[in-house]
Amino acid sequence: MSIQTIFQAGNSKVISIPPQILTDLNISIGDKVEVEKISNDTLTIKKHSATKITKAKRDFQKWLDVFMDENGDALDELAKR
C-alpha cells in the first residue's frame, strides 16, 4: 500500500500513482483509466479497454502521415489519370 496526497492542478484534484502500480496495471501516460467508487471509502482504477484501439489509431495516423509525406505527389498524379 502507498499513501498518496491529493493536490490541485488547475481546476482538477490529482492523485499521483506510484510507478510500480502503473507497471502492474500496464498503464502509461496518455492512457485512459476507469475510476469507480465501490463503497464510501474505496475506489477502483483499471485500464480502459478502448485505450488499445485509441493507441492503434494514433499509431496508424503517424504511419499514414509519413506515408503521405513520402508518396503524396505520386498519389496525386495517379488520381489525375
C-alpha atoms as a PDB file:
ATOM      1  CA  MET A   1       0.000   0.000   0.000  1.00  0.00           C
ATOM      2  CA  SER A   2       1.123   3.519  -0.770  1.00  0.00           C
ATOM      3  CA  ILE A   3      -0.154   6.711   0.883  1.00  0.00           C
ATOM      4  CA  GLN A   4      -0.692   9.490  -1.676  1.00  0.00           C
ATOM      5  CA  THR A   5      -1.683  13.134  -1.209  1.00  0.00           C
ATOM      6  CA  ILE A   6      -4.390  14.788  -3.282  1.00  0.00           C
ATOM      7  CA  PHE A   7      -3.145  18.039  -4.827  1.00  0.00           C
ATOM      8  CA  GLN A   8      -4.526  20.757  -7.079  1.00  0.00           C
ATOM      9  CA  ALA A   9      -3.569  21.085 -10.765  1.00  0.00           C
ATOM     10  CA  GLY A  10      -5.586  23.859 -12.375  1.00  0.00           C
ATOM     11  CA  ASN A  11      -9.234  23.184 -11.549  1.00  0.00           C
ATOM     12  CA  SER A  12      -8.622  19.451 -11.058  1.00  0.00           C
ATOM     13  CA  LYS A  13      -7.769  17.427  -7.994  1.00  0.00           C
ATOM     14  CA  VAL A  14      -4.963  14.955  -8.726  1.00  0.00           C
ATOM     15  CA  ILE A  15      -3.580  11.802  -7.113  1.00  0.00           C
ATOM     16  CA  SER A  16      -0.203  10.533  -8.263  1.00  0.00           C
ATOM     17  CA  ILE A  17       0.069   6.804  -8.967  1.00  0.00           C
ATOM     18  CA  PRO A  18       3.319   5.113  -7.959  1.00  0.00           C
ATOM     19  CA  PRO A  19       5.397   3.729 -10.868  1.00  0.00           C
ATOM     20  CA  GLN A  20       5.119   0.101  -9.727  1.00  0.00           C
ATOM     21  CA  ILE A  21       1.318   0.264  -9.729  1.00  0.00           C
ATOM     22  CA  LEU A  22       1.358   1.766 -13.231  1.00  0.00           C
ATOM     23  CA  THR A  23       3.604  -1.089 -14.353  1.00  0.00           C
ATOM     24  CA  ASP A  24       1.423  -3.714 -12.664  1.00  0.00           C
ATOM     25  CA  LEU A  25      -1.708  -2.311 -14.352  1.00  0.00           C
ATOM     26  CA  ASN A  26       0.077  -1.790 -17.702  1.00  0.00           C
ATOM     27  CA  ILE A  27      -0.880   1.886 -17.635  1.00  0.00           C
ATOM     28  CA  SER A  28       1.249   4.680 -19.039  1.00  0.00           C
ATOM     29  CA  ILE A  29       0.972   8.420 -19.624  1.00  0.00           C
ATOM     30  CA  GLY A  30      -1.869   9.201 -22.020  1.00  0.00           C
ATOM     31  CA  ASP A  31      -3.818   6.007 -21.324  1.00  0.00           C
ATOM     32  CA  LYS A  32      -7.422   6.270 -20.227  1.00  0.00           C
ATOM     33  CA  VAL A  33      -8.489   4.651 -16.963  1.00  0.00           C
ATOM     34  CA  GLU A  34     -11.828   3.866 -15.394  1.00  0.00           C
ATOM     35  CA  VAL A  35     -12.271   5.104 -11.824  1.00  0.00           C
ATOM     36  CA  GLU A  36     -15.207   3.684  -9.918  1.00  0.00           C
ATOM     37  CA  LYS A  37     -16.453   4.261  -6.382  1.00  0.00           C
ATOM     38  CA  ILE A  38     -17.315   0.862  -4.950  1.00  0.00           C
ATOM     39  CA  SER A  39     -18.043   1.941  -1.375  1.00  0.00           C
ATOM     40  CA  ASN A  40     -17.973   5.105   0.735  1.00  0.00           C
ATOM     41  CA  ASP A  41     -14.204   4.869   1.167  1.00  0.00           C
ATOM     42  CA  THR A  42     -12.984   2.688  -1.724  1.00  0.00           C
ATOM     43  CA  LEU A  43     -12.194   3.420  -5.383  1.00  0.00           C
ATOM     44  CA  THR A  44     -11.035   1.074  -8.109  1.00  0.00           C
ATOM     45  CA  ILE A  45      -8.821   2.052 -11.026  1.00  0.00           C
ATOM     46  CA  LYS A  46      -8.446  -0.056 -14.162  1.00  0.00           C
ATOM     47  CA  LYS A  47      -7.165   0.497 -17.652  1.00  0.00           C
ATOM     48  CA  HIS A  48      -9.941   1.463 -20.046  1.00  0.00           C
ATOM     49  CA  SER A  49     -10.332  -1.290 -22.640  1.00  0.00           C
ATOM     50  CA  ALA A  50     -10.659   1.105 -25.602  1.00  0.00           C
ATOM     51  CA  THR A  51      -7.165   2.515 -24.913  1.00  0.00           C
ATOM     52  CA  LYS A  52      -5.561  -0.071 -27.195  1.00  0.00           C
ATOM     53  CA  ILE A  53      -7.851   0.939 -30.047  1.00  0.00           C
ATOM     54  CA  THR A  54      -7.018   4.593 -29.486  1.00  0.00           C
ATOM     55  CA  LYS A  55      -3.296   3.814 -29.457  1.00  0.00           C
ATOM     56  CA  ALA A  56      -3.695   1.781 -32.650  1.00  0.00           C
ATOM     57  CA  LYS A  57      -5.456   4.714 -34.313  1.00  0.00           C
ATOM     58  CA  ARG A  58      -2.684   7.047 -33.166  1.00  0.00           C
ATOM     59  CA  ASP A  59       0.000   4.674 -34.482  1.00  0.00           C
ATOM     60  CA  PHE A  60      -1.854   4.303 -37.794  1.00  0.00           C
ATOM     61  CA  GLN A  61      -2.216   8.078 -38.129  1.00  0.00           C
ATOM     62  CA  LYS A  62       1.540   8.515 -37.600  1.00  0.00           C
ATOM     63  CA  TRP A  63       2.240   5.863 -40.248  1.00  0.00           C
ATOM     64  CA  LEU A  64      -0.252   7.472 -42.649  1.00  0.00           C
ATOM     65  CA  ASP A  65       1.291  10.921 -42.181  1.00  0.00           C
ATOM     66  CA  VAL A  66       4.757   9.567 -43.040  1.00  0.00           C
ATOM     67  CA  PHE A  67       3.366   7.601 -45.997  1.00  0.00           C
ATOM     68  CA  MET A  68       1.573  10.663 -47.384  1.00  0.00           C
ATOM     69  CA  ASP A  69       4.685  12.835 -46.961  1.00  0.00           C
ATOM     70  CA  GLU A  70       6.705  10.291 -48.931  1.00  0.00           C
ATOM     71  CA  ASN A  71       4.093   9.314 -51.549  1.00  0.00           C
ATOM     72  CA  GLY A  72       1.552  12.138 -51.706  1.00  0.00           C
ATOM     73  CA  ASP A  73       2.818  13.560 -55.024  1.00  0.00           C
ATOM     74  CA  ALA A  74       2.682  10.154 -56.721  1.00  0.00           C
ATOM     75  CA  LEU A  75      -0.849   9.550 -55.429  1.00  0.00           C
ATOM     76  CA  ASP A  76      -1.940  12.986 -56.708  1.00  0.00           C
ATOM     77  CA  GLU A  77      -0.580  12.135 -60.164  1.00  0.00           C
ATOM     78  CA  LEU A  78      -2.387   8.781 -60.171  1.00  0.00           C
ATOM     79  CA  ALA A  79      -5.629  10.480 -59.160  1.00  0.00           C
ATOM     80  CA  LYS A  80      -5.403  12.797 -62.188  1.00  0.00           C
ATOM     81  CA  ARG A  81      -5.262   9.856 -64.621  1.00  0.00           C
END
